[in-house]
Protein backbone atom coordinates (compact mmCIF):
# COMPACT_ATOMS: atom_id res chain seq x y z
CA MET A 1 106.09 107.18 62.59
CA LEU A 2 108.24 105.37 65.59
CA TYR A 3 106.72 105.83 69.10
CA LYS A 4 108.72 104.90 71.87
CA PHE A 5 106.27 104.12 75.23
CA GLN A 6 108.63 102.03 78.56
CA ILE A 7 107.35 99.96 80.07
CA PRO A 8 108.26 98.18 83.76
CA LYS A 9 111.07 96.08 83.81
CA SER A 10 112.76 98.18 81.92
CA LEU A 11 110.83 97.27 78.62
CA LEU A 12 111.67 99.14 75.55
CA VAL A 13 108.55 98.67 73.48
CA LEU A 14 108.88 99.89 69.70
CA CYS A 15 105.81 100.18 67.52
CA LEU A 16 105.10 101.14 64.65
CA ILE A 17 101.88 103.57 64.16
CA CYS A 18 100.26 104.19 60.88
CA GLY A 19 100.29 108.01 60.12
CA PHE A 20 97.09 107.99 58.14
CA SER A 21 94.47 105.30 60.90
CA ASN A 22 96.76 105.67 64.13
CA ASN A 23 96.96 101.88 63.86
CA ILE A 24 99.73 99.68 64.81
CA LEU A 25 101.47 99.18 61.31
CA TYR A 26 102.42 94.42 61.07
CA PRO A 27 104.99 92.93 59.78
CA LYS A 28 104.33 91.59 56.48
CA GLU A 29 106.27 89.70 53.61
CA ASP A 30 106.90 90.68 49.97
CA LYS A 31 107.15 87.52 48.44
CA GLU A 32 107.41 89.16 44.84
CA GLN A 33 110.39 91.60 46.38
CA LYS A 34 111.10 89.73 48.68
CA ILE A 35 111.25 92.50 51.12
CA LEU A 36 110.18 93.36 54.61
CA LEU A 37 107.32 95.96 55.22
CA PHE A 38 105.45 96.65 57.69
CA ALA A 39 101.67 97.30 57.01
CA CYS A 40 98.24 98.67 58.43
CA ARG A 41 95.61 96.45 58.49
CA ASN A 42 92.93 99.03 57.98
CA CYS A 43 94.07 101.44 55.07
CA ASP A 44 96.62 98.49 53.64
CA HIS A 45 98.92 101.64 54.28
CA GLN A 46 102.62 99.58 53.82
CA GLU A 47 105.86 101.23 55.05
CA VAL A 48 109.07 99.69 54.22
CA ALA A 49 111.00 97.72 57.02
CA ASP A 50 114.83 99.04 58.08
CA ASN A 51 116.02 96.29 59.83
CA ASN A 52 114.49 91.67 58.82
CA CYS A 53 114.42 91.43 62.48
CA VAL A 54 110.64 91.60 63.70
CA TYR A 55 111.29 89.93 66.86
CA ARG A 56 114.05 89.71 69.13
CA ASN A 57 113.88 87.01 72.56
CA GLU A 58 116.68 87.34 75.49
CA ILE A 59 117.17 85.52 78.05
CA HIS A 60 119.76 85.99 80.56
CA HIS A 61 119.99 83.34 83.37
CA ALA A 62 120.75 83.52 86.86
CA VAL A 63 124.06 82.42 87.88
CA GLY A 64 122.19 79.25 89.18
CA GLU A 65 119.66 78.38 86.39
CA ARG A 66 123.01 77.44 85.06
CA THR A 67 124.51 75.13 87.23
CA GLN A 68 121.70 73.39 87.81
CA VAL A 69 121.69 72.94 83.91
CA LEU A 70 125.62 71.35 84.33
CA GLN A 71 123.89 69.43 86.95
CA ASP A 72 121.36 67.67 85.64
CA VAL A 73 123.27 66.86 82.00
CA ALA A 74 125.09 63.88 83.83
CA ALA A 75 120.87 62.26 83.73
CA ASP A 76 121.13 63.30 80.20
CA PRO A 77 120.19 60.33 78.43
CA THR A 78 120.91 62.02 74.56
CA LEU A 79 124.24 62.64 75.85
CA PRO A 80 127.60 59.84 74.91
CA ARG A 81 129.23 58.49 78.01
CA THR A 82 132.61 56.86 79.02
CA LYS A 83 133.22 54.79 81.30
CA SER A 84 137.48 55.72 80.83
CA VAL A 85 137.74 58.44 82.66
CA ARG A 86 137.36 58.69 86.55
CA CYS A 87 136.17 61.32 88.83
CA ALA A 88 139.22 63.37 90.69
CA ARG A 89 136.03 64.09 93.61
CA CYS A 90 134.48 60.39 93.93
CA ASN A 91 136.44 58.17 92.00
CA HIS A 92 133.73 57.08 89.58
CA GLY A 93 133.61 55.10 87.09
CA GLU A 94 131.34 56.97 84.33
CA ALA A 95 131.23 60.43 83.17
CA VAL A 96 129.22 62.11 80.51
CA PHE A 97 130.74 63.99 78.02
CA PHE A 98 129.80 67.10 75.24
CA GLN A 99 131.70 69.86 73.53
CA ALA A 100 131.04 73.96 74.54
CA THR A 101 133.59 77.04 74.36
CA ALA A 102 134.71 77.75 77.55
CA ARG A 103 134.30 81.09 79.01
CA GLY A 104 137.12 83.64 77.74
CA GLU A 105 138.41 81.15 74.72
CA GLU A 106 138.07 80.34 71.41
CA GLY A 107 137.21 76.83 69.58
CA MET A 108 135.78 73.76 71.59
CA THR A 109 136.72 72.30 74.98
CA LEU A 110 135.32 68.94 75.99
CA PHE A 111 133.99 68.78 79.03
CA PHE A 112 132.82 65.46 81.60
CA VAL A 113 130.30 65.51 84.19
CA CYS A 114 130.17 62.46 86.46
CA CYS A 115 127.39 59.90 86.45
CA ASN A 116 126.89 59.39 90.24
CA PRO A 117 124.59 61.48 91.49
CA SER A 118 125.51 62.37 94.96
CA CYS A 119 128.86 64.30 93.59
CA GLY A 120 127.80 65.99 89.17
CA HIS A 121 131.77 67.02 89.91
CA ARG A 122 133.18 68.67 86.27
CA TRP A 123 135.66 69.40 84.62
CA ARG A 124 137.12 69.36 80.72
CA ASP A 125 139.75 67.57 79.28
C-alpha cells in the first residue's frame, strides 16, 4: 500500500505501509538477486521496489546564497591562482580561476574571481 501525507512547506512524504501489520516498510537490499526490497520489521513481509531511489534531497538556493558562494571562492586556498590577469574593475593583479558550466551553455567555461577582498569581481575567459 502507498500512502501520501501532505505536510507543511509543501513537502510530499511517501510512506510504504505493510498490508498485513500496518507498519512502515523499510528499504532492504537482496544481495543475492541484487534488487531493492521494502520489508516489514514485524512480520517479514517484503515487496520489490518499483524504483531504486530511496531518498532524494533537493536543495533550492536563494539568489543571495549563490552570490555569497562566488564571493568566497577568492579566499579558497584549494583553487589555483594566477598573476597573469588583471581585474577590469580594480586593476588587481591576482585572481583565482575554475571551470564550470555557464547558465544556458554546453561545455565548460573558465571563470576568474578577483582576489582583492574589497572587489570580488567575476569574469569569464
